Structure formats: C-alpha cells, structure tokens
Amino acid sequence: MLVFAVRRLVGMVAVLVAVSFFYVQYVEMMKKTFVARDLVSYLDQQNVVDRIREGTPATFAFFIVVFSTLVDVLYARLDPRVRPGH
C-alpha cells in the first residue's frame, strides 16, 4: 500500500511540473501574440499575426456562407409551408 501511495505522489508531482511548464509556455506565447506581436512561425519564419490578418477575410467569408446555409436549412425545416405531406 505504501508503494502504491508513493507511486501516485510521484506521478502527481510529475503531472504538476509538466502542466506548469505548459502554462508558462502558453502565457509567453500569448504575450508574444497579443502584446509584443512578434510571434514567428517555426516553419517559414513569417510573422504569425500578419498571416492571421491575411487569412481573416477568407475565414469570415467562409463563416458567412456556412452560417447562411445553416439558417436556410433550419428555416426550411421549420416552415410548415415547405414540409411535404402537410
């Protein structure tokens, strides 16, 4: 029983240490993204914030198309004049 408890405590400490490292990395990444705006891609060394700005119009247009399609389908399902058999 003592061995089990020790193993659990060691595992718990390891998880806490790993989570704290990820938290520190996450906070640093958010600071670079939103405060300093100097987050650089590892792949091609481009500024990530600039790439996000470039992709925003296409993403927004895609969202409008998907949202309007969902609204149209929902309206067609709920409109009693469109339902067959009624």
C-alpha atoms as a PDB file:
ATOM      1  CA  MET A   1       0.000   0.000   0.000  1.00  0.00           C
ATOM      2  CA  LEU A   2       2.854   2.361   0.782  1.00  0.00           C
ATOM      3  CA  VAL A   3       4.475   1.681  -2.599  1.00  0.00           C
ATOM      4  CA  PHE A   4       1.197   2.495  -4.351  1.00  0.00           C
ATOM      5  CA  ALA A   5       0.861   5.791  -2.462  1.00  0.00           C
ATOM      6  CA  VAL A   6       4.458   6.783  -3.245  1.00  0.00           C
ATOM      7  CA  ARG A   7       3.967   5.965  -6.936  1.00  0.00           C
ATOM      8  CA  ARG A   8       0.783   8.059  -7.006  1.00  0.00           C
ATOM      9  CA  LEU A   9       2.539  11.002  -5.320  1.00  0.00           C
ATOM     10  CA  VAL A  10       5.470  10.838  -7.753  1.00  0.00           C
ATOM     11  CA  GLY A  11       3.045  10.711 -10.674  1.00  0.00           C
ATOM     12  CA  MET A  12       1.092  13.650  -9.286  1.00  0.00           C
ATOM     13  CA  VAL A  13       4.244  15.756  -8.890  1.00  0.00           C
ATOM     14  CA  ALA A  14       5.336  14.874 -12.436  1.00  0.00           C
ATOM     15  CA  VAL A  15       1.962  15.945 -13.834  1.00  0.00           C
ATOM     16  CA  LEU A  16       2.012  19.209 -11.869  1.00  0.00           C
ATOM     17  CA  VAL A  17       5.510  20.022 -13.143  1.00  0.00           C
ATOM     18  CA  ALA A  18       4.554  19.238 -16.756  1.00  0.00           C
ATOM     19  CA  VAL A  19       1.381  21.335 -16.543  1.00  0.00           C
ATOM     20  CA  SER A  20       3.275  24.265 -15.060  1.00  0.00           C
ATOM     21  CA  PHE A  21       5.766  24.181 -17.960  1.00  0.00           C
ATOM     22  CA  PHE A  22       2.932  24.185 -20.499  1.00  0.00           C
ATOM     23  CA  TYR A  23       1.260  27.053 -18.634  1.00  0.00           C
ATOM     24  CA  VAL A  24       4.438  29.132 -18.740  1.00  0.00           C
ATOM     25  CA  GLN A  25       4.874  28.427 -22.459  1.00  0.00           C
ATOM     26  CA  TYR A  26       1.228  29.322 -23.116  1.00  0.00           C
ATOM     27  CA  VAL A  27       1.485  32.632 -21.247  1.00  0.00           C
ATOM     28  CA  GLU A  28       4.682  33.540 -23.097  1.00  0.00           C
ATOM     29  CA  MET A  29       3.082  32.679 -26.463  1.00  0.00           C
ATOM     30  CA  MET A  30       0.022  34.820 -25.684  1.00  0.00           C
ATOM     31  CA  LYS A  31       2.259  37.749 -24.694  1.00  0.00           C
ATOM     32  CA  LYS A  32       4.176  37.438 -27.970  1.00  0.00           C
ATOM     33  CA  THR A  33       0.929  37.199 -29.937  1.00  0.00           C
ATOM     34  CA  PHE A  34      -1.149  39.973 -28.389  1.00  0.00           C
ATOM     35  CA  VAL A  35       1.268  42.313 -26.591  1.00  0.00           C
ATOM     36  CA  ALA A  36       4.585  42.267 -28.451  1.00  0.00           C
ATOM     37  CA  ARG A  37       3.102  40.988 -31.746  1.00  0.00           C
ATOM     38  CA  ASP A  38       6.383  39.283 -32.621  1.00  0.00           C
ATOM     39  CA  LEU A  39       5.345  35.643 -32.717  1.00  0.00           C
ATOM     40  CA  VAL A  40       7.268  33.963 -35.551  1.00  0.00           C
ATOM     41  CA  SER A  41       6.454  30.692 -37.287  1.00  0.00           C
ATOM     42  CA  TYR A  42       8.983  27.898 -36.817  1.00  0.00           C
ATOM     43  CA  LEU A  43       8.313  26.577 -40.304  1.00  0.00           C
ATOM     44  CA  ASP A  44       8.983  29.604 -42.517  1.00  0.00           C
ATOM     45  CA  GLN A  45       9.931  32.392 -40.063  1.00  0.00           C
ATOM     46  CA  GLN A  46       6.944  34.554 -41.023  1.00  0.00           C
ATOM     47  CA  ASN A  47       5.128  36.812 -38.579  1.00  0.00           C
ATOM     48  CA  VAL A  48       2.120  34.843 -37.334  1.00  0.00           C
ATOM     49  CA  VAL A  49      -0.034  37.911 -36.581  1.00  0.00           C
ATOM     50  CA  ASP A  50       0.397  39.154 -40.158  1.00  0.00           C
ATOM     51  CA  ARG A  51      -0.569  35.724 -41.519  1.00  0.00           C
ATOM     52  CA  ILE A  52      -3.688  35.682 -39.337  1.00  0.00           C
ATOM     53  CA  ARG A  53      -4.666  39.135 -40.631  1.00  0.00           C
ATOM     54  CA  GLU A  54      -4.193  37.956 -44.222  1.00  0.00           C
ATOM     55  CA  GLY A  55      -6.437  34.940 -43.674  1.00  0.00           C
ATOM     56  CA  THR A  56      -9.206  36.717 -41.756  1.00  0.00           C
ATOM     57  CA  PRO A  57     -11.277  37.890 -44.776  1.00  0.00           C
ATOM     58  CA  ALA A  58     -11.417  34.409 -46.302  1.00  0.00           C
ATOM     59  CA  THR A  59     -12.263  32.857 -42.935  1.00  0.00           C
ATOM     60  CA  PHE A  60     -15.020  35.418 -42.365  1.00  0.00           C
ATOM     61  CA  ALA A  61     -16.449  34.825 -45.843  1.00  0.00           C
ATOM     62  CA  PHE A  62     -16.462  31.067 -45.231  1.00  0.00           C
ATOM     63  CA  PHE A  63     -18.238  31.605 -41.911  1.00  0.00           C
ATOM     64  CA  ILE A  64     -20.934  33.712 -43.609  1.00  0.00           C
ATOM     65  CA  VAL A  65     -21.546  31.028 -46.237  1.00  0.00           C
ATOM     66  CA  VAL A  66     -21.771  28.212 -43.677  1.00  0.00           C
ATOM     67  CA  PHE A  67     -23.941  30.231 -41.287  1.00  0.00           C
ATOM     68  CA  SER A  68     -26.340  31.350 -44.004  1.00  0.00           C
ATOM     69  CA  THR A  69     -26.639  27.774 -45.282  1.00  0.00           C
ATOM     70  CA  LEU A  70     -27.445  26.520 -41.783  1.00  0.00           C
ATOM     71  CA  VAL A  71     -30.054  29.244 -41.298  1.00  0.00           C
ATOM     72  CA  ASP A  72     -31.642  28.410 -44.663  1.00  0.00           C
ATOM     73  CA  VAL A  73     -31.806  24.688 -43.854  1.00  0.00           C
ATOM     74  CA  LEU A  74     -33.227  25.379 -40.400  1.00  0.00           C
ATOM     75  CA  TYR A  75     -35.833  27.751 -41.821  1.00  0.00           C
ATOM     76  CA  ALA A  76     -36.840  25.205 -44.458  1.00  0.00           C
ATOM     77  CA  ARG A  77     -37.209  22.509 -41.786  1.00  0.00           C
ATOM     78  CA  LEU A  78     -39.334  24.727 -39.535  1.00  0.00           C
ATOM     79  CA  ASP A  79     -41.515  26.393 -42.162  1.00  0.00           C
ATOM     80  CA  PRO A  80     -44.818  24.481 -42.364  1.00  0.00           C
ATOM     81  CA  ARG A  81     -45.352  25.512 -45.992  1.00  0.00           C
ATOM     82  CA  VAL A  82     -42.187  23.661 -47.040  1.00  0.00           C
ATOM     83  CA  ARG A  83     -42.916  20.350 -45.276  1.00  0.00           C
ATOM     84  CA  PRO A  84     -44.153  17.637 -47.604  1.00  0.00           C
ATOM     85  CA  GLY A  85     -47.419  15.977 -46.695  1.00  0.00           C
ATOM     86  CA  HIS A  86     -48.909  18.900 -44.787  1.00  0.00           C
END
